[in-house]
Amino acid sequence: MADYTGVPCPVCGKRFVNTDDIVVCPRCGAPYHRACFEETGDCVFQDLHSSGESWKRPAAPEAPPKREDEEADSLRCPFCGKMNHHNALFCDQCGRSLTGDPSTYQNKSAAPQRNPTDMPPQGPGFGPMPMGGFPGRSMTFTFDPLGGVQPDEAIDDIPAEEVAKLVQQNSAYYLPVFHNDRVYHRNKFNFCAFLFSGGWFLYRKQYKFGSIIMAIVAALYIAYTYLRYFVSGPILLNLYNQVGASANTDTLNSAQLQKMMGLLAERPQDLYLLMLPGFLLICILGVMIFCGLRGNRMYQKHCLRTIHSIRQKGPTTEEYNKELQEKGGVNMSIAMCMLVCYLIISWLPLFI
């Protein structure tokens, strides 16, 4: 059967994908969605029937001329020739993958098994190569930007391929996570969100949550640093001096420890101040665990909410894909800024 993928249906205008149920007019060969053909009841190309001509696949429109400074930032689709943004994962025109096999979205788990009779001869010099290749044959590697999720499979009410266009970087991780959460209610712990907390949210353009979490973590860390170096430190040093121990001493003997506990019993406020930095560290760890547990679901809601807001504007296909590219992806400048701020906060007390 001919491959009509990427060709627009003459009735609804939507481009065919691999999973569509397609019927072909027996007189001129024009393809239709089965539902569209049944709705119209007949082929719309009656002029071709009367002239005896056959339907021809429409030529792909040429990409608009690019400025010289934009040529290096464009990526040409190998299937239809459309020029796309250099960070795009899918073609804006035909929806094909720009990073993997341009003709299909193939689930590697569904790949056909090799017939044993087709195997090359075995023996010295003929054995299988590492990673599954064989001598004299090129090894292939297929990257699925959807992580095995079908392009037209809905996440909430949005096709997975549209969500992937918004996610962009690392979509092969997030699409299966979103799908499993929606279908099986299974969440996955996000170690990046756990380690970087508010910085990860800002990196993924979740500016509201990222700013709130970053402010909380920063306030806790600054309070911890201040208490450790300017409150708890002097109190602990004073206690060491009173029990006759050196500040460089790792452990105290039983007599010194007993005397220190007696001094703290007389001044319970000092005990609270000594424990407070540890409590603040526990609070920071709690925020990090929360981000790791809820990060994927919060990002999923952010993606769906962003796509819905774009759809409500009623943009054209070109405007819609452009907004997905602009509002999706990651913000590297914020990530670098957060790294610099973290290093400053971490090292600043050593120079005071």
Protein backbone atom coordinates (compact mmCIF):
# COMPACT_ATOMS: atom_id res chain seq x y z
CA MET A 1 0.00 0.00 0.00
CA ALA A 2 1.23 3.49 -0.78
CA ASP A 3 2.45 5.61 2.11
CA TYR A 4 0.12 8.59 2.55
CA THR A 5 1.68 9.78 5.81
CA GLY A 6 1.88 13.57 5.87
CA VAL A 7 -0.69 14.05 3.06
CA PRO A 8 -3.71 16.19 4.05
CA CYS A 9 -7.15 14.59 3.89
CA PRO A 10 -9.22 16.33 1.17
CA VAL A 11 -12.24 16.57 3.54
CA CYS A 12 -10.96 17.53 7.01
CA GLY A 13 -7.52 18.82 6.01
CA LYS A 14 -5.72 16.85 8.73
CA ARG A 15 -2.52 15.12 7.66
CA PHE A 16 -2.49 11.33 7.71
CA VAL A 17 -0.42 9.50 10.32
CA ASN A 18 0.60 5.83 10.43
CA THR A 19 -2.31 4.83 12.66
CA ASP A 20 -5.09 6.40 10.55
CA ASP A 21 -7.73 4.21 8.87
CA ILE A 22 -7.33 5.31 5.24
CA VAL A 23 -9.53 4.44 2.26
CA VAL A 24 -8.71 5.21 -1.37
CA CYS A 25 -11.07 6.23 -4.14
CA PRO A 26 -11.14 3.33 -6.65
CA ARG A 27 -11.48 5.69 -9.62
CA CYS A 28 -8.80 8.35 -9.04
CA GLY A 29 -6.81 6.97 -6.09
CA ALA A 30 -7.38 9.92 -3.73
CA PRO A 31 -6.90 8.96 -0.02
CA TYR A 32 -9.45 9.80 2.72
CA HIS A 33 -10.02 9.10 6.37
CA ARG A 34 -12.65 6.36 6.38
CA ALA A 35 -14.97 8.48 8.52
CA CYS A 36 -14.54 11.48 6.18
CA PHE A 37 -15.26 9.40 3.08
CA GLU A 38 -18.36 7.90 4.69
CA GLU A 39 -19.50 11.38 5.71
CA THR A 40 -19.25 12.83 2.18
CA GLY A 41 -20.48 9.64 0.52
CA ASP A 42 -18.38 10.12 -2.59
CA CYS A 43 -15.02 11.34 -3.85
CA VAL A 44 -14.66 15.13 -3.97
CA PHE A 45 -12.48 15.02 -7.09
CA GLN A 46 -15.30 14.60 -9.61
CA ASP A 47 -13.38 16.70 -12.13
CA LEU A 48 -10.65 14.06 -12.20
CA HIS A 49 -13.22 11.34 -12.79
CA SER A 50 -14.76 13.17 -15.74
CA SER A 51 -11.34 13.82 -17.33
CA GLY A 52 -10.05 10.31 -16.58
CA GLU A 53 -7.06 11.60 -14.65
CA SER A 54 -5.66 10.18 -11.43
CA TRP A 55 -5.10 11.93 -8.14
CA LYS A 56 -1.49 13.00 -7.54
CA ARG A 57 0.27 13.51 -4.25
CA PRO A 58 0.55 17.28 -3.60
CA ALA A 59 4.07 18.62 -3.63
CA ALA A 60 5.47 19.79 -0.30
CA PRO A 61 5.45 23.59 -0.07
CA GLU A 62 8.84 25.19 -0.27
CA ALA A 63 10.24 26.72 2.87
CA PRO A 64 10.19 30.55 2.95
CA PRO A 65 13.53 32.20 2.19
CA LYS A 66 15.73 32.50 5.27
CA ARG A 67 18.05 35.28 6.22
CA GLU A 68 21.72 34.40 6.18
CA ASP A 69 21.94 34.72 9.96
CA GLU A 70 19.06 32.25 10.37
CA GLU A 71 20.34 29.49 8.08
CA ALA A 72 22.64 28.07 10.76
CA ASP A 73 19.76 27.98 13.27
CA SER A 74 17.38 26.01 11.02
CA LEU A 75 16.81 22.29 10.68
CA ARG A 76 15.40 20.85 7.44
CA CYS A 77 12.90 17.99 7.68
CA PRO A 78 14.27 15.02 5.70
CA PHE A 79 10.72 13.99 4.72
CA CYS A 80 8.94 17.15 3.51
CA GLY A 81 11.81 19.65 3.35
CA LYS A 82 10.24 22.15 5.78
CA MET A 83 12.73 24.33 7.67
CA ASN A 84 12.29 24.07 11.44
CA HIS A 85 13.83 25.65 14.51
CA HIS A 86 17.21 24.08 15.31
CA ASN A 87 15.90 22.82 18.70
CA ALA A 88 12.72 21.29 17.22
CA LEU A 89 12.07 17.58 17.78
CA PHE A 90 9.25 17.34 15.21
CA CYS A 91 8.55 18.93 11.86
CA ASP A 92 6.01 21.78 12.08
CA GLN A 93 4.45 20.70 8.76
CA CYS A 94 4.31 16.90 8.65
CA GLY A 95 4.89 16.09 12.33
CA ARG A 96 7.73 13.66 11.60
CA SER A 97 10.63 13.17 13.99
CA LEU A 98 13.68 15.32 13.29
CA THR A 99 15.94 13.32 15.60
CA GLY A 100 15.18 9.70 14.76
CA ASP A 101 13.79 7.77 11.81
CA PRO A 102 11.86 10.39 9.77
CA SER A 103 9.39 7.86 8.36
CA THR A 104 7.97 6.29 11.49
CA TYR A 105 7.46 6.46 15.23
CA GLN A 106 8.55 2.94 16.04
CA ASN A 107 8.27 1.32 19.45
CA LYS A 108 11.45 -0.71 19.84
CA SER A 109 9.64 -3.30 21.95
CA ALA A 110 7.43 -4.09 18.95
CA ALA A 111 10.32 -4.61 16.52
CA PRO A 112 9.99 -7.83 14.49
CA GLN A 113 12.18 -10.75 15.48
CA ARG A 114 15.01 -11.76 13.17
CA ASN A 115 14.57 -15.06 11.38
CA PRO A 116 17.33 -17.47 12.47
CA THR A 117 17.85 -18.50 8.84
CA ASP A 118 18.79 -14.90 8.00
CA MET A 119 21.67 -14.84 10.48
CA PRO A 120 25.18 -14.57 9.04
CA PRO A 121 27.42 -17.63 9.34
CA GLN A 122 28.89 -18.31 12.75
CA GLY A 123 32.50 -19.11 13.57
CA PRO A 124 35.80 -17.28 13.92
CA GLY A 125 35.42 -13.84 12.37
CA PHE A 126 31.67 -14.25 11.89
CA GLY A 127 30.35 -13.99 15.44
CA PRO A 128 28.00 -11.23 16.58
CA MET A 129 29.65 -7.94 17.42
CA PRO A 130 29.04 -6.09 20.70
CA MET A 131 25.68 -4.24 20.93
CA GLY A 132 24.05 -6.68 18.50
CA GLY A 133 25.85 -5.85 15.25
CA PHE A 134 27.56 -8.15 12.78
CA PRO A 135 30.73 -7.76 10.74
CA GLY A 136 30.13 -6.07 7.42
CA ARG A 137 26.82 -4.56 8.53
CA SER A 138 26.27 -1.11 9.89
CA MET A 139 24.72 -0.94 13.34
CA THR A 140 21.61 1.21 13.70
CA PHE A 141 20.37 3.06 16.76
CA THR A 142 16.81 4.36 16.90
CA PHE A 143 16.00 7.19 19.30
CA ASP A 144 12.31 7.60 20.09
CA PRO A 145 11.65 11.15 21.39
CA LEU A 146 8.30 9.95 22.78
CA GLY A 147 9.82 7.15 24.86
CA GLY A 148 7.52 4.50 23.37
CA VAL A 149 4.29 6.53 23.67
CA GLN A 150 2.28 6.71 20.42
CA PRO A 151 2.19 10.22 18.84
CA ASP A 152 -1.62 10.42 18.80
CA GLU A 153 -2.07 8.93 22.29
CA ALA A 154 -3.77 11.49 24.49
CA ILE A 155 -2.28 12.82 27.72
CA ASP A 156 -5.35 14.38 29.28
CA ASP A 157 -6.89 15.64 25.99
CA ILE A 158 -3.65 16.58 24.21
CA PRO A 159 -1.78 14.29 21.76
CA ALA A 160 1.57 13.10 23.07
CA GLU A 161 3.47 14.57 20.12
CA GLU A 162 2.22 18.07 21.02
CA VAL A 163 3.30 17.61 24.64
CA ALA A 164 6.71 16.49 23.38
CA LYS A 165 7.00 19.65 21.29
CA LEU A 166 6.58 21.68 24.49
CA VAL A 167 8.85 19.50 26.66
CA GLN A 168 11.61 19.33 24.00
CA GLN A 169 14.76 18.38 25.95
CA ASN A 170 14.55 14.91 27.55
CA SER A 171 11.04 14.27 26.21
CA ALA A 172 11.81 10.53 26.06
CA TYR A 173 11.85 10.55 29.89
CA TYR A 174 8.87 12.80 30.59
CA LEU A 175 6.34 11.44 28.05
CA PRO A 176 6.25 7.88 29.54
CA VAL A 177 6.13 9.41 33.05
CA PHE A 178 3.14 11.58 32.10
CA HIS A 179 1.42 8.66 30.35
CA ASN A 180 1.86 6.25 33.29
CA ASP A 181 0.62 8.87 35.72
CA ARG A 182 -2.53 9.51 33.67
CA VAL A 183 -3.31 5.89 32.84
CA TYR A 184 -1.99 3.92 35.83
CA HIS A 185 -1.67 6.71 38.44
CA ARG A 186 1.98 5.82 38.94
CA ASN A 187 4.29 8.66 39.79
CA LYS A 188 8.10 8.60 39.47
CA PHE A 189 10.64 10.22 41.76
CA ASN A 190 12.52 13.02 39.98
CA PHE A 191 16.11 13.08 41.23
CA CYS A 192 16.92 16.31 39.37
CA ALA A 193 14.07 18.09 41.14
CA PHE A 194 15.24 16.54 44.42
CA LEU A 195 18.86 17.70 44.03
CA PHE A 196 18.23 21.17 42.59
CA SER A 197 14.73 21.93 43.96
CA GLY A 198 13.70 25.47 42.97
CA GLY A 199 16.49 25.69 40.41
CA TRP A 200 15.03 22.72 38.52
CA PHE A 201 11.58 24.35 38.39
CA LEU A 202 13.08 27.57 37.02
CA TYR A 203 15.14 25.56 34.51
CA ARG A 204 11.92 23.95 33.26
CA LYS A 205 10.25 27.41 32.98
CA GLN A 206 7.92 26.89 35.94
CA TYR A 207 8.73 30.35 37.18
CA LYS A 208 6.00 30.72 39.80
CA PHE A 209 6.70 27.50 41.71
CA GLY A 210 10.42 27.83 41.10
CA SER A 211 10.57 31.31 42.60
CA ILE A 212 8.58 30.28 45.67
CA ILE A 213 10.63 27.14 46.34
CA MET A 214 13.89 28.94 45.61
CA ALA A 215 12.99 31.70 48.06
CA ILE A 216 12.13 29.17 50.77
CA VAL A 217 15.33 27.17 50.30
CA ALA A 218 17.46 30.30 50.11
CA ALA A 219 15.92 31.72 53.29
CA LEU A 220 16.46 28.44 55.14
CA TYR A 221 20.04 28.12 53.90
CA ILE A 222 20.95 31.73 54.75
CA ALA A 223 19.42 31.32 58.22
CA TYR A 224 21.35 28.07 58.68
CA THR A 225 24.62 29.68 57.60
CA TYR A 226 24.11 32.68 59.87
CA LEU A 227 23.23 30.57 62.92
CA ARG A 228 26.08 28.14 62.33
CA TYR A 229 28.85 30.72 61.95
CA PHE A 230 27.62 33.61 64.10
CA VAL A 231 25.39 32.08 66.81
CA SER A 232 25.93 28.37 67.38
CA GLY A 233 29.65 28.52 66.62
CA PRO A 234 30.54 31.06 69.31
CA ILE A 235 28.27 29.29 71.86
CA LEU A 236 29.94 25.94 71.17
CA LEU A 237 33.40 27.49 71.34
CA ASN A 238 32.55 29.08 74.70
CA LEU A 239 31.33 25.73 76.04
CA TYR A 240 34.54 24.03 74.92
CA ASN A 241 36.58 26.65 76.72
CA GLN A 242 34.52 26.27 79.93
CA VAL A 243 35.00 22.49 80.06
CA GLY A 244 38.70 22.81 79.28
CA ALA A 245 38.62 21.29 75.78
CA SER A 246 40.25 22.56 72.59
CA ALA A 247 38.10 23.69 69.66
CA ASN A 248 40.00 21.26 67.45
CA THR A 249 39.10 18.30 69.67
CA ASP A 250 36.93 15.78 67.86
CA THR A 251 35.57 14.07 70.99
CA LEU A 252 35.10 14.93 74.64
CA ASN A 253 35.83 12.63 77.54
CA SER A 254 33.04 11.65 79.88
CA ALA A 255 33.89 14.30 82.48
CA GLN A 256 33.97 17.10 79.91
CA LEU A 257 30.75 15.89 78.31
CA GLN A 258 29.00 15.72 81.69
CA LYS A 259 30.15 19.23 82.57
CA MET A 260 28.95 20.56 79.21
CA MET A 261 25.51 19.00 79.67
CA GLY A 262 25.32 20.66 83.11
CA LEU A 263 26.12 24.05 81.58
CA LEU A 264 23.46 23.55 78.89
CA ALA A 265 20.92 22.54 81.55
CA GLU A 266 21.53 25.91 83.23
CA ARG A 267 21.08 27.74 79.88
CA PRO A 268 18.46 25.84 77.84
CA GLN A 269 18.30 28.68 75.30
CA ASP A 270 21.87 27.81 74.27
CA LEU A 271 20.80 24.21 73.67
CA TYR A 272 17.97 25.37 71.40
CA LEU A 273 20.35 27.62 69.46
CA LEU A 274 22.78 24.73 69.01
CA MET A 275 20.00 22.48 67.69
CA LEU A 276 18.43 25.09 65.40
CA PRO A 277 20.93 24.77 62.47
CA GLY A 278 20.30 21.02 62.34
CA PHE A 279 16.55 21.62 62.33
CA LEU A 280 16.93 24.05 59.39
CA LEU A 281 18.90 21.41 57.47
CA ILE A 282 16.05 18.95 58.06
CA CYS A 283 13.61 21.54 56.68
CA ILE A 284 15.75 21.98 53.56
CA LEU A 285 15.86 18.20 53.11
CA GLY A 286 12.06 18.09 53.48
CA VAL A 287 11.65 20.67 50.69
CA MET A 288 14.01 18.65 48.47
CA ILE A 289 12.07 15.43 49.06
CA PHE A 290 8.80 17.23 48.30
CA CYS A 291 10.23 18.49 45.00
CA GLY A 292 11.45 15.01 44.08
CA LEU A 293 8.07 13.42 44.83
CA ARG A 294 5.88 16.10 43.23
CA GLY A 295 8.19 17.47 40.53
CA ASN A 296 6.97 15.32 37.62
CA ARG A 297 3.29 15.86 38.38
CA MET A 298 3.74 19.60 38.80
CA TYR A 299 5.62 19.76 35.50
CA GLN A 300 2.92 17.69 33.80
CA LYS A 301 0.22 20.11 34.98
CA HIS A 302 2.38 23.03 33.85
CA CYS A 303 2.73 21.55 30.34
CA LEU A 304 -0.98 20.80 29.95
CA ARG A 305 -1.96 24.20 31.34
CA THR A 306 0.44 25.95 28.96
CA ILE A 307 -0.88 24.09 25.90
CA HIS A 308 -4.49 24.80 26.86
CA SER A 309 -3.72 28.51 27.24
CA ILE A 310 -2.12 28.57 23.79
CA ARG A 311 -5.09 26.75 22.23
CA GLN A 312 -7.57 29.21 23.72
CA LYS A 313 -6.04 31.98 21.61
CA GLY A 314 -7.13 30.15 18.44
CA PRO A 315 -3.75 30.42 16.68
CA THR A 316 -2.92 29.10 13.25
CA THR A 317 -0.85 25.93 12.99
CA GLU A 318 2.32 27.91 12.41
CA GLU A 319 1.62 30.26 15.32
CA TYR A 320 0.70 27.32 17.55
CA ASN A 321 3.94 25.44 16.87
CA LYS A 322 5.95 28.62 17.28
CA GLU A 323 4.46 29.27 20.73
CA LEU A 324 5.13 25.67 21.77
CA GLN A 325 8.78 26.17 20.85
CA GLU A 326 9.05 29.52 22.65
CA LYS A 327 7.20 28.60 25.86
CA GLY A 328 8.58 25.07 26.10
CA GLY A 329 12.03 23.63 26.52
CA VAL A 330 14.42 24.81 29.21
CA ASN A 331 15.98 28.07 30.35
CA MET A 332 19.75 27.61 30.44
CA SER A 333 20.51 31.21 31.47
CA ILE A 334 18.52 30.81 34.69
CA ALA A 335 20.23 27.50 35.40
CA MET A 336 23.67 29.10 35.14
CA CYS A 337 22.57 32.06 37.25
CA MET A 338 21.30 29.72 39.98
CA LEU A 339 24.60 27.86 39.96
CA VAL A 340 26.57 31.09 40.43
CA CYS A 341 24.26 32.22 43.25
CA TYR A 342 24.63 28.87 44.98
CA LEU A 343 28.42 29.05 44.83
CA ILE A 344 28.40 32.58 46.22
CA ILE A 345 26.15 31.67 49.13
CA SER A 346 28.18 28.52 49.87
CA TRP A 347 31.61 30.18 49.83
CA LEU A 348 30.78 33.64 51.17
CA PRO A 349 30.98 32.69 54.90
CA LEU A 350 34.58 31.53 54.44
CA PHE A 351 35.64 35.07 53.49
CA ILE A 352 33.80 36.89 56.27
